[in-house]
C-alpha atoms as a PDB file:
ATOM      1  CA  MET A   1       0.000   0.000   0.000  1.00  0.00           C
ATOM      2  CA  THR A   2       1.160   3.522  -0.767  1.00  0.00           C
ATOM      3  CA  THR A   3       1.895   6.153   1.884  1.00  0.00           C
ATOM      4  CA  HIS A   4      -0.619   8.870   0.971  1.00  0.00           C
ATOM      5  CA  GLN A   5      -1.541  10.960   3.996  1.00  0.00           C
ATOM      6  CA  THR A   6      -3.687  13.875   2.810  1.00  0.00           C
ATOM      7  CA  ILE A   7      -6.737  14.237   0.585  1.00  0.00           C
ATOM      8  CA  SER A   8      -7.912  17.470  -1.044  1.00  0.00           C
ATOM      9  CA  ILE A   9     -11.690  17.677  -1.486  1.00  0.00           C
ATOM     10  CA  LEU A  10     -12.550  20.284  -4.116  1.00  0.00           C
ATOM     11  CA  ILE A  11     -16.027  21.825  -3.832  1.00  0.00           C
ATOM     12  CA  PRO A  12     -17.109  24.381  -6.471  1.00  0.00           C
ATOM     13  CA  VAL A  13     -20.041  26.404  -5.161  1.00  0.00           C
ATOM     14  CA  PHE A  14     -22.625  28.535  -6.950  1.00  0.00           C
ATOM     15  CA  ASN A  15     -25.880  29.557  -5.246  1.00  0.00           C
ATOM     16  CA  GLU A  16     -26.123  26.543  -2.924  1.00  0.00           C
ATOM     17  CA  ILE A  17     -27.311  28.245   0.266  1.00  0.00           C
ATOM     18  CA  ARG A  18     -30.007  25.560   0.770  1.00  0.00           C
ATOM     19  CA  PHE A  19     -27.659  22.594   0.703  1.00  0.00           C
ATOM     20  CA  LEU A  20     -24.117  23.672   1.552  1.00  0.00           C
ATOM     21  CA  SER A  21     -24.212  23.350   5.342  1.00  0.00           C
ATOM     22  CA  ALA A  22     -25.732  19.862   5.164  1.00  0.00           C
ATOM     23  CA  LEU A  23     -23.233  18.838   2.514  1.00  0.00           C
ATOM     24  CA  LEU A  24     -20.267  19.940   4.613  1.00  0.00           C
ATOM     25  CA  GLU A  25     -21.630  18.010   7.582  1.00  0.00           C
ATOM     26  CA  LYS A  26     -21.716  14.898   5.408  1.00  0.00           C
ATOM     27  CA  VAL A  27     -18.173  15.474   4.119  1.00  0.00           C
ATOM     28  CA  ASN A  28     -16.844  15.920   7.646  1.00  0.00           C
ATOM     29  CA  ALA A  29     -18.663  12.819   8.897  1.00  0.00           C
ATOM     30  CA  VAL A  30     -16.958  10.517   6.398  1.00  0.00           C
ATOM     31  CA  ASP A  31     -13.604   8.884   7.117  1.00  0.00           C
ATOM     32  CA  PHE A  32     -11.825   9.263   3.785  1.00  0.00           C
ATOM     33  CA  CYS A  33      -9.771   6.086   4.319  1.00  0.00           C
ATOM     34  CA  GLY A  34      -8.055   7.732   7.277  1.00  0.00           C
ATOM     35  CA  LEU A  35      -6.546  10.517   5.162  1.00  0.00           C
ATOM     36  CA  GLN A  36      -6.206  14.011   6.587  1.00  0.00           C
ATOM     37  CA  LYS A  37      -8.724  16.294   4.868  1.00  0.00           C
ATOM     38  CA  GLN A  38      -8.140  19.567   3.084  1.00  0.00           C
ATOM     39  CA  ILE A  39     -11.535  20.950   2.041  1.00  0.00           C
ATOM     40  CA  ILE A  40     -11.278  23.641  -0.642  1.00  0.00           C
ATOM     41  CA  LEU A  41     -14.424  25.680  -1.274  1.00  0.00           C
ATOM     42  CA  VAL A  42     -14.506  27.973  -4.309  1.00  0.00           C
ATOM     43  CA  ASP A  43     -17.473  30.326  -4.490  1.00  0.00           C
ATOM     44  CA  ASP A  44     -18.127  31.060  -8.146  1.00  0.00           C
ATOM     45  CA  GLY A  45     -19.903  34.397  -7.806  1.00  0.00           C
ATOM     46  CA  SER A  46     -22.918  33.317  -5.743  1.00  0.00           C
ATOM     47  CA  THR A  47     -25.701  35.857  -5.224  1.00  0.00           C
ATOM     48  CA  ASP A  48     -28.049  33.969  -2.868  1.00  0.00           C
ATOM     49  CA  GLY A  49     -26.220  34.406   0.440  1.00  0.00           C
ATOM     50  CA  THR A  50     -23.790  31.537  -0.053  1.00  0.00           C
ATOM     51  CA  ARG A  51     -20.815  33.890   0.185  1.00  0.00           C
ATOM     52  CA  ASP A  52     -21.897  35.101   3.620  1.00  0.00           C
ATOM     53  CA  LEU A  53     -22.254  31.507   4.776  1.00  0.00           C
ATOM     54  CA  LEU A  54     -18.783  30.644   3.489  1.00  0.00           C
ATOM     55  CA  LYS A  55     -17.234  33.443   5.537  1.00  0.00           C
ATOM     56  CA  ARG A  56     -17.948  31.344   8.645  1.00  0.00           C
ATOM     57  CA  TYR A  57     -15.445  28.767   7.395  1.00  0.00           C
ATOM     58  CA  GLU A  58     -12.616  31.167   6.550  1.00  0.00           C
ATOM     59  CA  GLY A  59      -9.473  30.373   8.514  1.00  0.00           C
ATOM     60  CA  GLN A  60     -11.085  27.309  10.098  1.00  0.00           C
ATOM     61  CA  PRO A  61      -9.132  24.089   9.417  1.00  0.00           C
ATOM     62  CA  PRO A  62      -9.567  21.986   7.341  1.00  0.00           C
ATOM     63  CA  TYR A  63     -11.211  24.632   5.138  1.00  0.00           C
ATOM     64  CA  THR A  64      -9.677  26.801   2.462  1.00  0.00           C
ATOM     65  CA  VAL A  65     -12.237  29.296   1.127  1.00  0.00           C
ATOM     66  CA  LEU A  66     -11.690  31.071  -2.194  1.00  0.00           C
ATOM     67  CA  TYR A  67     -13.878  33.477  -4.143  1.00  0.00           C
ATOM     68  CA  HIS A  68     -14.478  34.396  -7.768  1.00  0.00           C
ATOM     69  CA  THR A  69     -15.726  37.938  -8.281  1.00  0.00           C
ATOM     70  CA  HIS A  70     -18.249  36.755 -10.884  1.00  0.00           C
ATOM     71  CA  ASN A  71     -19.678  33.476 -12.124  1.00  0.00           C
ATOM     72  CA  GLN A  72     -17.287  31.660 -14.470  1.00  0.00           C
ATOM     73  CA  GLY A  73     -18.447  28.048 -14.298  1.00  0.00           C
ATOM     74  CA  LYS A  74     -17.611  24.741 -12.632  1.00  0.00           C
ATOM     75  CA  GLY A  75     -14.443  24.162 -14.650  1.00  0.00           C
ATOM     76  CA  ALA A  76     -13.055  27.573 -13.743  1.00  0.00           C
ATOM     77  CA  ALA A  77     -13.823  26.995 -10.057  1.00  0.00           C
ATOM     78  CA  LEU A  78     -12.083  23.620 -10.127  1.00  0.00           C
ATOM     79  CA  ARG A  79      -9.082  25.118 -11.893  1.00  0.00           C
ATOM     80  CA  THR A  80      -8.766  27.613  -9.031  1.00  0.00           C
ATOM     81  CA  ALA A  81      -9.173  24.857  -6.442  1.00  0.00           C
ATOM     82  CA  ILE A  82      -6.538  22.601  -8.042  1.00  0.00           C
ATOM     83  CA  GLN A  83      -3.981  25.396  -7.764  1.00  0.00           C
ATOM     84  CA  HIS A  84      -4.437  25.361  -3.967  1.00  0.00           C
ATOM     85  CA  ALA A  85      -4.692  21.591  -3.487  1.00  0.00           C
ATOM     86  CA  SER A  86      -1.891  20.064  -1.425  1.00  0.00           C
ATOM     87  CA  GLY A  87      -3.254  16.535  -0.987  1.00  0.00           C
ATOM     88  CA  ASP A  88      -1.743  13.332  -2.327  1.00  0.00           C
ATOM     89  CA  ILE A  89      -5.195  12.419  -3.621  1.00  0.00           C
ATOM     90  CA  ILE A  90      -7.677  14.919  -5.062  1.00  0.00           C
ATOM     91  CA  VAL A  91     -11.430  14.361  -5.297  1.00  0.00           C
ATOM     92  CA  ILE A  92     -14.321  16.465  -6.582  1.00  0.00           C
ATOM     93  CA  GLN A  93     -17.531  17.065  -4.635  1.00  0.00           C
ATOM     94  CA  ASP A  94     -20.493  19.099  -5.872  1.00  0.00           C
ATOM     95  CA  ALA A  95     -22.006  21.481  -3.324  1.00  0.00           C
ATOM     96  CA  ASP A  96     -25.525  20.027  -3.541  1.00  0.00           C
ATOM     97  CA  LEU A  97     -26.817  16.745  -2.113  1.00  0.00           C
ATOM     98  CA  GLU A  98     -27.038  14.707  -5.318  1.00  0.00           C
ATOM     99  CA  TYR A  99     -23.961  12.674  -4.356  1.00  0.00           C
ATOM    100  CA  ASP A 100     -23.196  11.052  -1.002  1.00  0.00           C
ATOM    101  CA  PRO A 101     -19.619  11.441   0.318  1.00  0.00           C
ATOM    102  CA  LYS A 102     -19.968   7.999   1.950  1.00  0.00           C
ATOM    103  CA  ASP A 103     -19.406   6.546  -1.527  1.00  0.00           C
ATOM    104  CA  TYR A 104     -15.919   8.026  -1.877  1.00  0.00           C
ATOM    105  CA  PRO A 105     -13.811   5.600   0.240  1.00  0.00           C
ATOM    106  CA  GLU A 106     -14.245   2.758  -2.260  1.00  0.00           C
ATOM    107  CA  LEU A 107     -12.880   4.968  -5.031  1.00  0.00           C
ATOM    108  CA  ILE A 108     -10.037   6.281  -2.898  1.00  0.00           C
ATOM    109  CA  GLN A 109      -9.020   2.775  -1.869  1.00  0.00           C
ATOM    110  CA  LEU A 110      -8.451   1.854  -5.514  1.00  0.00           C
ATOM    111  CA  ILE A 111      -5.775   4.560  -5.608  1.00  0.00           C
ATOM    112  CA  LEU A 112      -4.322   3.737  -2.204  1.00  0.00           C
ATOM    113  CA  ASP A 113      -3.966   0.103  -3.220  1.00  0.00           C
ATOM    114  CA  GLY A 114      -1.954   1.142  -6.265  1.00  0.00           C
ATOM    115  CA  LYS A 115      -4.535  -0.162  -8.746  1.00  0.00           C
ATOM    116  CA  ALA A 116      -5.765   3.141 -10.188  1.00  0.00           C
ATOM    117  CA  ASP A 117      -4.432   6.543 -11.160  1.00  0.00           C
ATOM    118  CA  VAL A 118      -8.009   7.779 -11.527  1.00  0.00           C
ATOM    119  CA  ALA A 119     -11.276   6.367 -10.162  1.00  0.00           C
ATOM    120  CA  TYR A 120     -14.802   7.343 -11.253  1.00  0.00           C
ATOM    121  CA  GLY A 121     -18.044   6.750  -9.372  1.00  0.00           C
ATOM    122  CA  SER A 122     -20.692   5.402 -11.734  1.00  0.00           C
ATOM    123  CA  ARG A 123     -24.362   6.210 -11.242  1.00  0.00           C
ATOM    124  CA  LEU A 124     -25.379   3.983 -14.142  1.00  0.00           C
ATOM    125  CA  THR A 125     -24.366   0.544 -12.904  1.00  0.00           C
ATOM    126  CA  ALA A 126     -26.387  -1.554 -10.495  1.00  0.00           C
ATOM    127  CA  GLY A 127     -25.359  -1.868  -6.885  1.00  0.00           C
ATOM    128  CA  LYS A 128     -26.421   1.297  -5.041  1.00  0.00           C
ATOM    129  CA  PRO A 129     -29.654   3.339  -4.811  1.00  0.00           C
ATOM    130  CA  VAL A 130     -30.271   5.817  -7.626  1.00  0.00           C
ATOM    131  CA  ARG A 131     -33.209   8.211  -7.720  1.00  0.00           C
ATOM    132  CA  ALA A 132     -35.129   8.077 -11.000  1.00  0.00           C
ATOM    133  CA  PHE A 133     -34.114  11.232 -12.857  1.00  0.00           C
ATOM    134  CA  ASN A 134     -34.885  13.151 -16.045  1.00  0.00           C
ATOM    135  CA  VAL A 135     -34.943  10.764 -19.010  1.00  0.00           C
ATOM    136  CA  LEU A 136     -33.257  13.315 -21.275  1.00  0.00           C
ATOM    137  CA  HIS A 137     -30.364  13.644 -18.813  1.00  0.00           C
ATOM    138  CA  TYR A 138     -30.170   9.852 -18.633  1.00  0.00           C
ATOM    139  CA  PHE A 139     -29.975   9.334 -22.383  1.00  0.00           C
ATOM    140  CA  GLY A 140     -27.694  12.337 -22.748  1.00  0.00           C
ATOM    141  CA  ASN A 141     -25.264  10.819 -20.239  1.00  0.00           C
ATOM    142  CA  LYS A 142     -25.441   7.440 -21.969  1.00  0.00           C
ATOM    143  CA  PHE A 143     -24.783   8.991 -25.383  1.00  0.00           C
ATOM    144  CA  LEU A 144     -21.841  11.096 -24.196  1.00  0.00           C
ATOM    145  CA  THR A 145     -20.332   8.082 -22.447  1.00  0.00           C
ATOM    146  CA  PHE A 146     -20.806   6.001 -25.608  1.00  0.00           C
ATOM    147  CA  MET A 147     -19.002   8.652 -27.659  1.00  0.00           C
ATOM    148  CA  THR A 148     -16.196   8.725 -25.064  1.00  0.00           C
ATOM    149  CA  ASN A 149     -15.757   4.973 -25.430  1.00  0.00           C
ATOM    150  CA  ILE A 150     -15.701   5.153 -29.229  1.00  0.00           C
ATOM    151  CA  LEU A 151     -13.287   8.079 -29.396  1.00  0.00           C
ATOM    152  CA  TYR A 152     -10.912   6.916 -26.641  1.00  0.00           C
ATOM    153  CA  ASN A 153     -11.197   3.113 -26.870  1.00  0.00           C
ATOM    154  CA  THR A 154     -12.444   2.554 -23.356  1.00  0.00           C
ATOM    155  CA  THR A 155     -15.438   1.002 -21.550  1.00  0.00           C
ATOM    156  CA  LEU A 156     -16.719   3.688 -19.166  1.00  0.00           C
ATOM    157  CA  THR A 157     -20.321   3.607 -17.993  1.00  0.00           C
ATOM    158  CA  ASP A 158     -20.632   7.192 -16.660  1.00  0.00           C
ATOM    159  CA  MET A 159     -18.260   9.817 -18.037  1.00  0.00           C
ATOM    160  CA  GLU A 160     -20.325  12.769 -16.754  1.00  0.00           C
ATOM    161  CA  THR A 161     -20.221  11.699 -13.107  1.00  0.00           C
ATOM    162  CA  CYS A 162     -19.124  14.301 -10.578  1.00  0.00           C
ATOM    163  CA  TYR A 163     -17.302  11.728  -8.440  1.00  0.00           C
ATOM    164  CA  LYS A 164     -13.781  11.580  -9.761  1.00  0.00           C
ATOM    165  CA  ALA A 165     -10.696  10.759  -7.668  1.00  0.00           C
ATOM    166  CA  PHE A 166      -7.114  11.341  -8.859  1.00  0.00           C
ATOM    167  CA  ARG A 167      -3.567  10.764  -7.795  1.00  0.00           C
ATOM    168  CA  ALA A 168      -2.608  14.404  -7.327  1.00  0.00           C
ATOM    169  CA  GLU A 169       0.472  14.291  -9.530  1.00  0.00           C
ATOM    170  CA  PHE A 170      -1.612  12.840 -12.338  1.00  0.00           C
ATOM    171  CA  LEU A 171      -4.265  15.578 -12.193  1.00  0.00           C
ATOM    172  CA  LYS A 172      -1.837  18.451 -11.741  1.00  0.00           C
ATOM    173  CA  ASP A 173      -0.002  17.399 -14.881  1.00  0.00           C
ATOM    174  CA  VAL A 174      -3.145  18.148 -16.918  1.00  0.00           C
ATOM    175  CA  VAL A 175      -3.872  21.663 -18.228  1.00  0.00           C
ATOM    176  CA  ILE A 176      -7.614  22.346 -17.834  1.00  0.00           C
ATOM    177  CA  ARG A 177      -9.045  24.866 -20.278  1.00  0.00           C
ATOM    178  CA  SER A 178     -12.817  24.375 -19.852  1.00  0.00           C
ATOM    179  CA  ASN A 179     -14.744  26.855 -17.732  1.00  0.00           C
ATOM    180  CA  ARG A 180     -18.152  25.187 -17.460  1.00  0.00           C
ATOM    181  CA  PHE A 181     -19.498  21.637 -17.229  1.00  0.00           C
ATOM    182  CA  ASP A 182     -17.293  20.678 -20.184  1.00  0.00           C
ATOM    183  CA  PHE A 183     -14.645  20.098 -17.511  1.00  0.00           C
ATOM    184  CA  GLU A 184     -15.965  16.519 -17.259  1.00  0.00           C
ATOM    185  CA  PRO A 185     -15.312  15.457 -20.868  1.00  0.00           C
ATOM    186  CA  GLU A 186     -12.066  17.434 -21.016  1.00  0.00           C
ATOM    187  CA  ILE A 187     -10.497  15.821 -17.957  1.00  0.00           C
ATOM    188  CA  THR A 188     -11.718  12.398 -19.072  1.00  0.00           C
ATOM    189  CA  ALA A 189     -10.245  12.838 -22.534  1.00  0.00           C
ATOM    190  CA  LYS A 190      -6.918  14.010 -21.210  1.00  0.00           C
ATOM    191  CA  VAL A 191      -6.380  11.366 -18.553  1.00  0.00           C
ATOM    192  CA  LEU A 192      -7.304   8.640 -21.023  1.00  0.00           C
ATOM    193  CA  LYS A 193      -4.895  10.036 -23.618  1.00  0.00           C
ATOM    194  CA  ARG A 194      -2.183   9.963 -20.951  1.00  0.00           C
ATOM    195  CA  GLY A 195      -2.759   6.287 -20.339  1.00  0.00           C
ATOM    196  CA  ALA A 196      -4.370   6.544 -16.905  1.00  0.00           C
ATOM    197  CA  ARG A 197      -5.329   3.359 -15.128  1.00  0.00           C
ATOM    198  CA  LEU A 198      -8.979   4.363 -14.770  1.00  0.00           C
ATOM    199  CA  TYR A 199     -11.352   2.296 -12.629  1.00  0.00           C
ATOM    200  CA  GLU A 200     -15.071   2.692 -11.940  1.00  0.00           C
ATOM    201  CA  ALA A 201     -17.114   1.715  -8.874  1.00  0.00           C
ATOM    202  CA  PRO A 202     -20.873   2.091  -8.307  1.00  0.00           C
ATOM    203  CA  ILE A 203     -22.185   5.059  -6.331  1.00  0.00           C
ATOM    204  CA  SER A 204     -25.614   6.206  -5.174  1.00  0.00           C
ATOM    205  CA  TYR A 205     -27.290   9.229  -6.733  1.00  0.00           C
ATOM    206  CA  SER A 206     -30.164  11.523  -5.776  1.00  0.00           C
ATOM    207  CA  GLY A 207     -30.526  13.657  -8.884  1.00  0.00           C
ATOM    208  CA  ARG A 208     -32.229  17.032  -8.726  1.00  0.00           C
ATOM    209  CA  ASN A 209     -34.669  18.487 -11.231  1.00  0.00           C
ATOM    210  CA  PHE A 210     -34.573  22.084 -12.419  1.00  0.00           C
ATOM    211  CA  ASP A 211     -37.076  23.194  -9.748  1.00  0.00           C
ATOM    212  CA  GLU A 212     -34.657  21.872  -7.128  1.00  0.00           C
ATOM    213  CA  GLY A 213     -31.695  23.771  -8.559  1.00  0.00           C
ATOM    214  CA  LYS A 214     -30.338  21.579 -11.378  1.00  0.00           C
ATOM    215  CA  LYS A 215     -28.074  23.770 -13.512  1.00  0.00           C
ATOM    216  CA  ILE A 216     -26.848  21.641 -16.427  1.00  0.00           C
ATOM    217  CA  THR A 217     -28.874  21.941 -19.674  1.00  0.00           C
ATOM    218  CA  TRP A 218     -28.963  20.474 -23.180  1.00  0.00           C
ATOM    219  CA  ARG A 219     -26.556  23.218 -24.299  1.00  0.00           C
ATOM    220  CA  ASP A 220     -23.958  21.752 -21.955  1.00  0.00           C
ATOM    221  CA  GLY A 221     -24.503  18.373 -23.619  1.00  0.00           C
ATOM    222  CA  ILE A 222     -23.671  19.827 -27.028  1.00  0.00           C
ATOM    223  CA  SER A 223     -20.598  21.516 -25.569  1.00  0.00           C
ATOM    224  CA  ALA A 224     -19.542  18.203 -23.967  1.00  0.00           C
ATOM    225  CA  LEU A 225     -19.781  16.378 -27.299  1.00  0.00           C
ATOM    226  CA  TRP A 226     -17.679  19.020 -29.028  1.00  0.00           C
ATOM    227  CA  THR A 227     -15.148  18.868 -26.205  1.00  0.00           C
ATOM    228  CA  LEU A 228     -14.793  15.095 -26.555  1.00  0.00           C
ATOM    229  CA  VAL A 229     -14.174  15.376 -30.296  1.00  0.00           C
ATOM    230  CA  LYS A 230     -11.840  18.363 -29.963  1.00  0.00           C
ATOM    231  CA  TYR A 231      -9.547  16.859 -27.368  1.00  0.00           C
ATOM    232  CA  ARG A 232      -9.315  13.596 -29.262  1.00  0.00           C
ATOM    233  CA  PHE A 233      -7.110  15.461 -31.731  1.00  0.00           C
ATOM    234  CA  ILE A 234      -5.567  18.326 -29.748  1.00  0.00           C
ATOM    235  CA  ASP A 235      -4.324  18.751 -26.199  1.00  0.00           C
END
């Protein structure tokens, strides 16, 4: 087993005043395989009071709180967070309650055991509870994952998943250019092109609808498809 000691948990935040406190309680309650936590929160120009809530965590270990002056997108927030990540393993956590942090240890263990460079949590394989969600999102995810497999000669089941865990040196070697939700296809394309040992494990999922604050739209799906094709041929 490797000697990793610290994990950086990257949380991009945009207008999540309803869910953020509960989410952070869940993150803190989970033993991330015994690793010391660094929790990096990046507010991406929230206007609903989230920024005031985040001020409570400033200077309070294990939190690092960063702010964007205006909304730039999930990819931009993660790019900022990666620059401040000091952990041996880096994971991504959305600021809502769609994903359960209790699912992360299985992914992290794949890296600790030396099996994986990157581990994805799949919502689309049997094994854990998944809330029935929008059929267009479902088929959109399936189509984008199918195109990923065709373009990059792999067998993923859920490319668009939020839950992604990385050996830090592997992630930090990748230049991220995407500012929005196209971060997901870009990082997937680039780690696969670099020959990452990428594993998947099932995770639970409680998907939101638009009334509950879902932000991704069909336009992001088109952008994701273009991103997959683009990065197949350029870096």
